[in-house]
Amino acid sequence: MKRVQVISTIKNLQTNLKVLGVNSLALFGSVARDEAQGDSDVNILVDLKPPITFDRYMDVKLYLDEQLGTRVDLVTWKALKPQIRETVKQEAIYVM
């Protein structure tokens, strides 16, 4: 999936994502670099409103999977492995 498609789709979903409890959302990884292949997932860094629950996380992940029509790897800043945080910080494209 192309970066421009993902960004456009997510921007159109902002109202629903806010209802689901999303504060902010950023692309990173191959889609953000516009290097995604046909089997690439979409890596998304998300900041959720408290309380952050498993159900809220899964609601957002499954909604994005469905709307983007591909696998989404949804991750919070806290859950990011320390060794990739700097890379994610540098390449993140904040969509909302």
PDB file of N, CA and C in Angstrom:
ATOM      1  N   MET A   1       0.847  -1.180   0.000  1.00  0.00           N
ATOM      2  CA  MET A   1       0.000   0.000   0.000  1.00  0.00           C
ATOM      3  C   MET A   1       0.891   1.242   0.000  1.00  0.00           C
ATOM      4  N   LYS A   2       0.529   2.207  -0.784  1.00  0.00           N
ATOM      5  CA  LYS A   2       1.311   3.436  -0.908  1.00  0.00           C
ATOM      6  C   LYS A   2       1.053   4.380   0.264  1.00  0.00           C
ATOM      7  N   ARG A   3       2.102   5.115   0.621  1.00  0.00           N
ATOM      8  CA  ARG A   3       2.021   6.063   1.735  1.00  0.00           C
ATOM      9  C   ARG A   3       0.876   7.051   1.552  1.00  0.00           C
ATOM     10  N   VAL A   4       0.745   7.618   0.360  1.00  0.00           N
ATOM     11  CA  VAL A   4      -0.292   8.622   0.120  1.00  0.00           C
ATOM     12  C   VAL A   4      -1.691   8.030   0.324  1.00  0.00           C
ATOM     13  N   GLN A   5      -1.895   6.764  -0.050  1.00  0.00           N
ATOM     14  CA  GLN A   5      -3.195   6.110   0.146  1.00  0.00           C
ATOM     15  C   GLN A   5      -3.504   5.952   1.631  1.00  0.00           C
ATOM     16  N   VAL A   6      -2.508   5.501   2.382  1.00  0.00           N
ATOM     17  CA  VAL A   6      -2.703   5.278   3.818  1.00  0.00           C
ATOM     18  C   VAL A   6      -3.003   6.600   4.516  1.00  0.00           C
ATOM     19  N   ILE A   7      -2.230   7.623   4.215  1.00  0.00           N
ATOM     20  CA  ILE A   7      -2.435   8.932   4.844  1.00  0.00           C
ATOM     21  C   ILE A   7      -3.825   9.469   4.520  1.00  0.00           C
ATOM     22  N   SER A   8      -4.214   9.390   3.271  1.00  0.00           N
ATOM     23  CA  SER A   8      -5.529   9.875   2.854  1.00  0.00           C
ATOM     24  C   SER A   8      -6.652   9.124   3.564  1.00  0.00           C
ATOM     25  N   THR A   9      -6.534   7.806   3.622  1.00  0.00           N
ATOM     26  CA  THR A   9      -7.561   6.992   4.283  1.00  0.00           C
ATOM     27  C   THR A   9      -7.663   7.340   5.760  1.00  0.00           C
ATOM     28  N   ILE A  10      -6.521   7.430   6.435  1.00  0.00           N
ATOM     29  CA  ILE A  10      -6.533   7.730   7.872  1.00  0.00           C
ATOM     30  C   ILE A  10      -7.107   9.121   8.127  1.00  0.00           C
ATOM     31  N   LYS A  11      -6.761  10.083   7.299  1.00  0.00           N
ATOM     32  CA  LYS A  11      -7.321  11.433   7.480  1.00  0.00           C
ATOM     33  C   LYS A  11      -8.841  11.409   7.363  1.00  0.00           C
ATOM     34  N   ASN A  12      -9.357  10.588   6.466  1.00  0.00           N
ATOM     35  CA  ASN A  12     -10.811  10.462   6.315  1.00  0.00           C
ATOM     36  C   ASN A  12     -11.465   9.741   7.492  1.00  0.00           C
ATOM     37  N   LEU A  13     -10.677   9.015   8.271  1.00  0.00           N
ATOM     38  CA  LEU A  13     -11.192   8.248   9.410  1.00  0.00           C
ATOM     39  C   LEU A  13     -11.009   8.966  10.742  1.00  0.00           C
ATOM     40  N   GLN A  14     -10.464  10.172  10.731  1.00  0.00           N
ATOM     41  CA  GLN A  14     -10.112  10.860  11.977  1.00  0.00           C
ATOM     42  C   GLN A  14     -11.260  10.960  12.970  1.00  0.00           C
ATOM     43  N   THR A  15     -12.434  11.294  12.511  1.00  0.00           N
ATOM     44  CA  THR A  15     -13.570  11.439  13.427  1.00  0.00           C
ATOM     45  C   THR A  15     -13.843  10.128  14.144  1.00  0.00           C
ATOM     46  N   ASN A  16     -13.904   9.037  13.399  1.00  0.00           N
ATOM     47  CA  ASN A  16     -14.163   7.730  14.009  1.00  0.00           C
ATOM     48  C   ASN A  16     -13.018   7.295  14.917  1.00  0.00           C
ATOM     49  N   LEU A  17     -11.789   7.588  14.526  1.00  0.00           N
ATOM     50  CA  LEU A  17     -10.645   7.216  15.356  1.00  0.00           C
ATOM     51  C   LEU A  17     -10.660   7.982  16.679  1.00  0.00           C
ATOM     52  N   LYS A  18     -11.067   9.236  16.641  1.00  0.00           N
ATOM     53  CA  LYS A  18     -11.178  10.008  17.891  1.00  0.00           C
ATOM     54  C   LYS A  18     -12.237   9.406  18.805  1.00  0.00           C
ATOM     55  N   VAL A  19     -13.351   8.964  18.216  1.00  0.00           N
ATOM     56  CA  VAL A  19     -14.407   8.309  19.001  1.00  0.00           C
ATOM     57  C   VAL A  19     -13.869   7.029  19.642  1.00  0.00           C
ATOM     58  N   LEU A  20     -12.976   6.335  18.939  1.00  0.00           N
ATOM     59  CA  LEU A  20     -12.376   5.108  19.471  1.00  0.00           C
ATOM     60  C   LEU A  20     -11.300   5.392  20.520  1.00  0.00           C
ATOM     61  N   GLY A  21     -10.960   6.673  20.718  1.00  0.00           N
ATOM     62  CA  GLY A  21     -10.011   7.036  21.768  1.00  0.00           C
ATOM     63  C   GLY A  21      -8.602   7.334  21.300  1.00  0.00           C
ATOM     64  N   VAL A  22      -8.425   7.628  20.017  1.00  0.00           N
ATOM     65  CA  VAL A  22      -7.089   7.921  19.491  1.00  0.00           C
ATOM     66  C   VAL A  22      -6.780   9.409  19.662  1.00  0.00           C
ATOM     67  N   ASN A  23      -5.651   9.706  20.332  1.00  0.00           N
ATOM     68  CA  ASN A  23      -5.155  11.083  20.451  1.00  0.00           C
ATOM     69  C   ASN A  23      -4.323  11.461  19.237  1.00  0.00           C
ATOM     70  N   SER A  24      -3.392  10.581  18.884  1.00  0.00           N
ATOM     71  CA  SER A  24      -2.530  10.830  17.731  1.00  0.00           C
ATOM     72  C   SER A  24      -2.144   9.507  17.098  1.00  0.00           C
ATOM     73  N   LEU A  25      -1.706   9.625  15.842  1.00  0.00           N
ATOM     74  CA  LEU A  25      -1.390   8.435  15.077  1.00  0.00           C
ATOM     75  C   LEU A  25      -0.310   8.798  14.064  1.00  0.00           C
ATOM     76  N   ALA A  26       0.728   7.955  13.954  1.00  0.00           N
ATOM     77  CA  ALA A  26       1.828   8.216  13.023  1.00  0.00           C
ATOM     78  C   ALA A  26       2.223   6.943  12.289  1.00  0.00           C
ATOM     79  N   LEU A  27       2.566   7.093  11.031  1.00  0.00           N
ATOM     80  CA  LEU A  27       3.090   5.982  10.238  1.00  0.00           C
ATOM     81  C   LEU A  27       4.585   5.887  10.458  1.00  0.00           C
ATOM     82  N   PHE A  28       5.111   4.662  10.429  1.00  0.00           N
ATOM     83  CA  PHE A  28       6.552   4.465  10.390  1.00  0.00           C
ATOM     84  C   PHE A  28       6.810   3.173   9.626  1.00  0.00           C
ATOM     85  N   GLY A  29       8.052   2.874   9.373  1.00  0.00           N
ATOM     86  CA  GLY A  29       8.378   1.641   8.659  1.00  0.00           C
ATOM     87  C   GLY A  29       8.307   1.807   7.152  1.00  0.00           C
ATOM     88  N   SER A  30       8.141   0.679   6.466  1.00  0.00           N
ATOM     89  CA  SER A  30       8.235   0.673   5.002  1.00  0.00           C
ATOM     90  C   SER A  30       7.183   1.545   4.326  1.00  0.00           C
ATOM     91  N   VAL A  31       5.979   1.615   4.870  1.00  0.00           N
ATOM     92  CA  VAL A  31       4.945   2.461   4.258  1.00  0.00           C
ATOM     93  C   VAL A  31       5.330   3.938   4.401  1.00  0.00           C
ATOM     94  N   ALA A  32       5.827   4.330   5.552  1.00  0.00           N
ATOM     95  CA  ALA A  32       6.245   5.722   5.762  1.00  0.00           C
ATOM     96  C   ALA A  32       7.388   6.100   4.824  1.00  0.00           C
ATOM     97  N   ARG A  33       8.265   5.134   4.542  1.00  0.00           N
ATOM     98  CA  ARG A  33       9.391   5.380   3.627  1.00  0.00           C
ATOM     99  C   ARG A  33       8.987   5.191   2.165  1.00  0.00           C
ATOM    100  N   ASP A  34       7.747   4.801   1.942  1.00  0.00           N
ATOM    101  CA  ASP A  34       7.214   4.492   0.603  1.00  0.00           C
ATOM    102  C   ASP A  34       8.016   3.378  -0.067  1.00  0.00           C
ATOM    103  N   GLU A  35       8.375   2.365   0.733  1.00  0.00           N
ATOM    104  CA  GLU A  35       9.119   1.204   0.248  1.00  0.00           C
ATOM    105  C   GLU A  35       8.329  -0.083   0.449  1.00  0.00           C
ATOM    106  N   ALA A  36       7.048   0.018   0.737  1.00  0.00           N
ATOM    107  CA  ALA A  36       6.236  -1.160   1.050  1.00  0.00           C
ATOM    108  C   ALA A  36       6.089  -2.062  -0.166  1.00  0.00           C
ATOM    109  N   GLN A  37       6.127  -3.363   0.091  1.00  0.00           N
ATOM    110  CA  GLN A  37       5.878  -4.386  -0.921  1.00  0.00           C
ATOM    111  C   GLN A  37       4.434  -4.848  -0.774  1.00  0.00           C
ATOM    112  N   GLY A  38       3.990  -5.717  -1.648  1.00  0.00           N
ATOM    113  CA  GLY A  38       2.614  -6.202  -1.616  1.00  0.00           C
ATOM    114  C   GLY A  38       2.222  -6.884  -0.324  1.00  0.00           C
ATOM    115  N   ASP A  39       3.188  -7.531   0.342  1.00  0.00           N
ATOM    116  CA  ASP A  39       2.890  -8.261   1.576  1.00  0.00           C
ATOM    117  C   ASP A  39       3.262  -7.485   2.838  1.00  0.00           C
ATOM    118  N   SER A  40       3.632  -6.226   2.684  1.00  0.00           N
ATOM    119  CA  SER A  40       4.024  -5.406   3.841  1.00  0.00           C
ATOM    120  C   SER A  40       2.811  -5.046   4.686  1.00  0.00           C
ATOM    121  N   ASP A  41       3.015  -5.045   6.005  1.00  0.00           N
ATOM    122  CA  ASP A  41       1.958  -4.533   6.870  1.00  0.00           C
ATOM    123  C   ASP A  41       2.163  -3.028   7.025  1.00  0.00           C
ATOM    124  N   VAL A  42       1.203  -2.381   7.655  1.00  0.00           N
ATOM    125  CA  VAL A  42       1.283  -0.939   7.886  1.00  0.00           C
ATOM    126  C   VAL A  42       1.626  -0.739   9.358  1.00  0.00           C
ATOM    127  N   ASN A  43       2.784  -0.138   9.624  1.00  0.00           N
ATOM    128  CA  ASN A  43       3.225   0.117  10.989  1.00  0.00           C
ATOM    129  C   ASN A  43       2.699   1.469  11.443  1.00  0.00           C
ATOM    130  N   ILE A  44       1.959   1.446  12.550  1.00  0.00           N
ATOM    131  CA  ILE A  44       1.344   2.668  13.056  1.00  0.00           C
ATOM    132  C   ILE A  44       1.646   2.823  14.543  1.00  0.00           C
ATOM    133  N   LEU A  45       2.147   3.999  14.888  1.00  0.00           N
ATOM    134  CA  LEU A  45       2.373   4.387  16.276  1.00  0.00           C
ATOM    135  C   LEU A  45       1.137   5.138  16.735  1.00  0.00           C
ATOM    136  N   VAL A  46       0.555   4.706  17.841  1.00  0.00           N
ATOM    137  CA  VAL A  46      -0.700   5.299  18.296  1.00  0.00           C
ATOM    138  C   VAL A  46      -0.567   5.787  19.736  1.00  0.00           C
ATOM    139  N   ASP A  47      -1.227   6.891  20.021  1.00  0.00           N
ATOM    140  CA  ASP A  47      -1.363   7.389  21.392  1.00  0.00           C
ATOM    141  C   ASP A  47      -2.854   7.352  21.704  1.00  0.00           C
ATOM    142  N   LEU A  48      -3.220   6.536  22.695  1.00  0.00           N
ATOM    143  CA  LEU A  48      -4.623   6.364  23.071  1.00  0.00           C
ATOM    144  C   LEU A  48      -4.950   7.159  24.326  1.00  0.00           C
ATOM    145  N   LYS A  49      -6.199   7.616  24.391  1.00  0.00           N
ATOM    146  CA  LYS A  49      -6.682   8.300  25.590  1.00  0.00           C
ATOM    147  C   LYS A  49      -6.813   7.291  26.722  1.00  0.00           C
ATOM    148  N   PRO A  50      -6.508   7.711  27.949  1.00  0.00           N
ATOM    149  CA  PRO A  50      -6.734   6.828  29.094  1.00  0.00           C
ATOM    150  C   PRO A  50      -8.224   6.629  29.338  1.00  0.00           C
ATOM    151  N   PRO A  51      -8.634   5.555  29.886  1.00  0.00           N
ATOM    152  CA  PRO A  51      -7.785   4.419  30.241  1.00  0.00           C
ATOM    153  C   PRO A  51      -7.441   3.605  29.004  1.00  0.00           C
ATOM    154  N   ILE A  52      -6.178   3.219  28.903  1.00  0.00           N
ATOM    155  CA  ILE A  52      -5.733   2.400  27.780  1.00  0.00           C
ATOM    156  C   ILE A  52      -5.989   0.944  28.149  1.00  0.00           C
ATOM    157  N   THR A  53      -6.937   0.361  27.457  1.00  0.00           N
ATOM    158  CA  THR A  53      -7.307  -1.028  27.726  1.00  0.00           C
ATOM    159  C   THR A  53      -7.015  -1.882  26.499  1.00  0.00           C
ATOM    160  N   PHE A  54      -6.932  -3.184  26.721  1.00  0.00           N
ATOM    161  CA  PHE A  54      -6.728  -4.117  25.617  1.00  0.00           C
ATOM    162  C   PHE A  54      -7.875  -4.007  24.619  1.00  0.00           C
ATOM    163  N   ASP A  55      -9.093  -3.883  25.132  1.00  0.00           N
ATOM    164  CA  ASP A  55     -10.261  -3.777  24.250  1.00  0.00           C
ATOM    165  C   ASP A  55     -10.183  -2.531  23.365  1.00  0.00           C
ATOM    166  N   ARG A  56      -9.789  -1.408  23.940  1.00  0.00           N
ATOM    167  CA  ARG A  56      -9.671  -0.170  23.157  1.00  0.00           C
ATOM    168  C   ARG A  56      -8.593  -0.333  22.085  1.00  0.00           C
ATOM    169  N   TYR A  57      -7.457  -0.886  22.489  1.00  0.00           N
ATOM    170  CA  TYR A  57      -6.362  -1.128  21.551  1.00  0.00           C
ATOM    171  C   TYR A  57      -6.835  -2.012  20.397  1.00  0.00           C
ATOM    172  N   MET A  58      -7.505  -3.113  20.712  1.00  0.00           N
ATOM    173  CA  MET A  58      -7.964  -4.046  19.680  1.00  0.00           C
ATOM    174  C   MET A  58      -9.046  -3.425  18.798  1.00  0.00           C
ATOM    175  N   ASP A  59      -9.912  -2.615  19.369  1.00  0.00           N
ATOM    176  CA  ASP A  59     -10.932  -1.925  18.565  1.00  0.00           C
ATOM    177  C   ASP A  59     -10.272  -1.051  17.494  1.00  0.00           C
ATOM    178  N   VAL A  60      -9.245  -0.310  17.889  1.00  0.00           N
ATOM    179  CA  VAL A  60      -8.542   0.565  16.947  1.00  0.00           C
ATOM    180  C   VAL A  60      -7.802  -0.268  15.904  1.00  0.00           C
ATOM    181  N   LYS A  61      -7.093  -1.304  16.350  1.00  0.00           N
ATOM    182  CA  LYS A  61      -6.329  -2.147  15.429  1.00  0.00           C
ATOM    183  C   LYS A  61      -7.236  -2.807  14.397  1.00  0.00           C
ATOM    184  N   LEU A  62      -8.311  -3.422  14.848  1.00  0.00           N
ATOM    185  CA  LEU A  62      -9.216  -4.119  13.929  1.00  0.00           C
ATOM    186  C   LEU A  62      -9.923  -3.146  12.986  1.00  0.00           C
ATOM    187  N   TYR A  63     -10.265  -1.972  13.485  1.00  0.00           N
ATOM    188  CA  TYR A  63     -10.886  -0.946  12.644  1.00  0.00           C
ATOM    189  C   TYR A  63      -9.921  -0.527  11.531  1.00  0.00           C
ATOM    190  N   LEU A  64      -8.656  -0.291  11.886  1.00  0.00           N
ATOM    191  CA  LEU A  64      -7.670   0.101  10.882  1.00  0.00           C
ATOM    192  C   LEU A  64      -7.396  -1.033   9.893  1.00  0.00           C
ATOM    193  N   ASP A  65      -7.299  -2.272  10.386  1.00  0.00           N
ATOM    194  CA  ASP A  65      -7.133  -3.432   9.491  1.00  0.00           C
ATOM    195  C   ASP A  65      -8.232  -3.438   8.432  1.00  0.00           C
ATOM    196  N   GLU A  66      -9.457  -3.279   8.901  1.00  0.00           N
ATOM    197  CA  GLU A  66     -10.618  -3.337   8.007  1.00  0.00           C
ATOM    198  C   GLU A  66     -10.635  -2.169   7.022  1.00  0.00           C
ATOM    199  N   GLN A  67     -10.431  -0.972   7.521  1.00  0.00           N
ATOM    200  CA  GLN A  67     -10.532   0.218   6.677  1.00  0.00           C
ATOM    201  C   GLN A  67      -9.382   0.334   5.672  1.00  0.00           C
ATOM    202  N   LEU A  68      -8.193  -0.116   6.078  1.00  0.00           N
ATOM    203  CA  LEU A  68      -7.045  -0.057   5.173  1.00  0.00           C
ATOM    204  C   LEU A  68      -6.973  -1.289   4.273  1.00  0.00           C
ATOM    205  N   GLY A  69      -7.689  -2.340   4.649  1.00  0.00           N
ATOM    206  CA  GLY A  69      -7.707  -3.551   3.838  1.00  0.00           C
ATOM    207  C   GLY A  69      -6.405  -4.323   3.861  1.00  0.00           C
ATOM    208  N   THR A  70      -5.650  -4.163   4.938  1.00  0.00           N
ATOM    209  CA  THR A  70      -4.376  -4.860   5.086  1.00  0.00           C
ATOM    210  C   THR A  70      -4.057  -5.003   6.567  1.00  0.00           C
ATOM    211  N   ARG A  71      -3.009  -5.767   6.868  1.00  0.00           N
ATOM    212  CA  ARG A  71      -2.590  -5.944   8.266  1.00  0.00           C
ATOM    213  C   ARG A  71      -1.969  -4.653   8.795  1.00  0.00           C
ATOM    214  N   VAL A  72      -2.363  -4.314  10.004  1.00  0.00           N
ATOM    215  CA  VAL A  72      -1.803  -3.144  10.678  1.00  0.00           C
ATOM    216  C   VAL A  72      -1.046  -3.622  11.910  1.00  0.00           C
ATOM    217  N   ASP A  73       0.192  -3.174  12.042  1.00  0.00           N
ATOM    218  CA  ASP A  73       0.979  -3.424  13.244  1.00  0.00           C
ATOM    219  C   ASP A  73       0.859  -2.151  14.073  1.00  0.00           C
ATOM    220  N   LEU A  74      -0.035  -2.185  15.053  1.00  0.00           N
ATOM    221  CA  LEU A  74      -0.334  -1.021  15.886  1.00  0.00           C
ATOM    222  C   LEU A  74       0.491  -1.107  17.159  1.00  0.00           C
ATOM    223  N   VAL A  75       1.215  -0.041  17.464  1.00  0.00           N
ATOM    224  CA  VAL A  75       2.091  -0.061  18.628  1.00  0.00           C
ATOM    225  C   VAL A  75       2.016   1.279  19.357  1.00  0.00           C
ATOM    226  N   THR A  76       2.140   1.215  20.675  1.00  0.00           N
ATOM    227  CA  THR A  76       2.225   2.428  21.485  1.00  0.00           C
ATOM    228  C   THR A  76       3.704   2.743  21.723  1.00  0.00           C
ATOM    229  N   TRP A  77       3.989   3.995  22.047  1.00  0.00           N
ATOM    230  CA  TRP A  77       5.377   4.394  22.310  1.00  0.00           C
ATOM    231  C   TRP A  77       5.970   3.543  23.428  1.00  0.00           C
ATOM    232  N   LYS A  78       5.202   3.313  24.452  1.00  0.00           N
ATOM    233  CA  LYS A  78       5.674   2.538  25.603  1.00  0.00           C
ATOM    234  C   LYS A  78       6.025   1.107  25.212  1.00  0.00           C
ATOM    235  N   ALA A  79       5.299   0.553  24.246  1.00  0.00           N
ATOM    236  CA  ALA A  79       5.525  -0.832  23.836  1.00  0.00           C
ATOM    237  C   ALA A  79       6.655  -0.980  22.816  1.00  0.00           C
ATOM    238  N   LEU A  80       7.136   0.128  22.260  1.00  0.00           N
ATOM    239  CA  LEU A  80       8.230   0.053  21.284  1.00  0.00           C
ATOM    240  C   LEU A  80       9.502  -0.444  21.949  1.00  0.00           C
ATOM    241  N   LYS A  81      10.210  -1.301  21.263  1.00  0.00           N
ATOM    242  CA  LYS A  81      11.498  -1.770  21.774  1.00  0.00           C
ATOM    243  C   LYS A  81      12.457  -0.582  21.799  1.00  0.00           C
ATOM    244  N   PRO A  82      13.207  -0.424  22.890  1.00  0.00           N
ATOM    245  CA  PRO A  82      14.116   0.723  23.009  1.00  0.00           C
ATOM    246  C   PRO A  82      15.080   0.866  21.831  1.00  0.00           C
ATOM    247  N   GLN A  83      15.521  -0.250  21.262  1.00  0.00           N
ATOM    248  CA  GLN A  83      16.504  -0.186  20.178  1.00  0.00           C
ATOM    249  C   GLN A  83      15.943   0.376  18.868  1.00  0.00           C
ATOM    250  N   ILE A  84      14.616   0.472  18.725  1.00  0.00           N
ATOM    251  CA  ILE A  84      14.068   1.049  17.485  1.00  0.00           C
ATOM    252  C   ILE A  84      13.378   2.399  17.710  1.00  0.00           C
ATOM    253  N   ARG A  85      13.342   2.857  18.936  1.00  0.00           N
ATOM    254  CA  ARG A  85      12.641   4.116  19.225  1.00  0.00           C
ATOM    255  C   ARG A  85      13.189   5.305  18.446  1.00  0.00           C
ATOM    256  N   GLU A  86      14.499   5.421  18.362  1.00  0.00           N
ATOM    257  CA  GLU A  86      15.093   6.566  17.664  1.00  0.00           C
ATOM    258  C   GLU A  86      14.757   6.533  16.175  1.00  0.00           C
ATOM    259  N   THR A  87      14.808   5.354  15.583  1.00  0.00           N
ATOM    260  CA  THR A  87      14.457   5.215  14.164  1.00  0.00           C
ATOM    261  C   THR A  87      13.004   5.599  13.934  1.00  0.00           C
ATOM    262  N   VAL A  88      12.118   5.101  14.789  1.00  0.00           N
ATOM    263  CA  VAL A  88      10.693   5.417  14.662  1.00  0.00           C
ATOM    264  C   VAL A  88      10.482   6.919  14.818  1.00  0.00           C
ATOM    265  N   LYS A  89      11.157   7.510  15.772  1.00  0.00           N
ATOM    266  CA  LYS A  89      11.033   8.952  16.013  1.00  0.00           C
ATOM    267  C   LYS A  89      11.444   9.752  14.774  1.00  0.00           C
ATOM    268  N   GLN A  90      12.499   9.311  14.095  1.00  0.00           N
ATOM    269  CA  GLN A  90      13.008  10.033  12.929  1.00  0.00           C
ATOM    270  C   GLN A  90      12.119   9.878  11.704  1.00  0.00           C
ATOM    271  N   GLU A  91      11.535   8.679  11.516  1.00  0.00           N
ATOM    272  CA  GLU A  91      10.772   8.465  10.286  1.00  0.00           C
ATOM    273  C   GLU A  91       9.263   8.594  10.452  1.00  0.00           C
ATOM    274  N   ALA A  92       8.792   8.823  11.661  1.00  0.00           N
ATOM    275  CA  ALA A  92       7.343   8.906  11.898  1.00  0.00           C
ATOM    276  C   ALA A  92       6.716  10.055  11.117  1.00  0.00           C
ATOM    277  N   ILE A  93       5.591   9.742  10.491  1.00  0.00           N
ATOM    278  CA  ILE A  93       4.797  10.745   9.784  1.00  0.00           C
ATOM    279  C   ILE A  93       3.470  10.843  10.526  1.00  0.00           C
ATOM    280  N   TYR A  94       3.289  11.946  11.253  1.00  0.00           N
ATOM    281  CA  TYR A  94       2.064  12.109  12.039  1.00  0.00           C
ATOM    282  C   TYR A  94       0.907  12.476  11.120  1.00  0.00           C
ATOM    283  N   VAL A  95      -0.117  11.640  11.166  1.00  0.00           N
ATOM    284  CA  VAL A  95      -1.291  11.823  10.322  1.00  0.00           C
ATOM    285  C   VAL A  95      -2.403  12.502  11.109  1.00  0.00           C
ATOM    286  N   MET A  96      -2.418  12.260  12.403  1.00  0.00           N
ATOM    287  CA  MET A  96      -3.399  12.927  13.272  1.00  0.00           C
ATOM    288  C   MET A  96      -2.838  13.037  14.666  1.00  0.00           C
TER     289      MET A  96
END
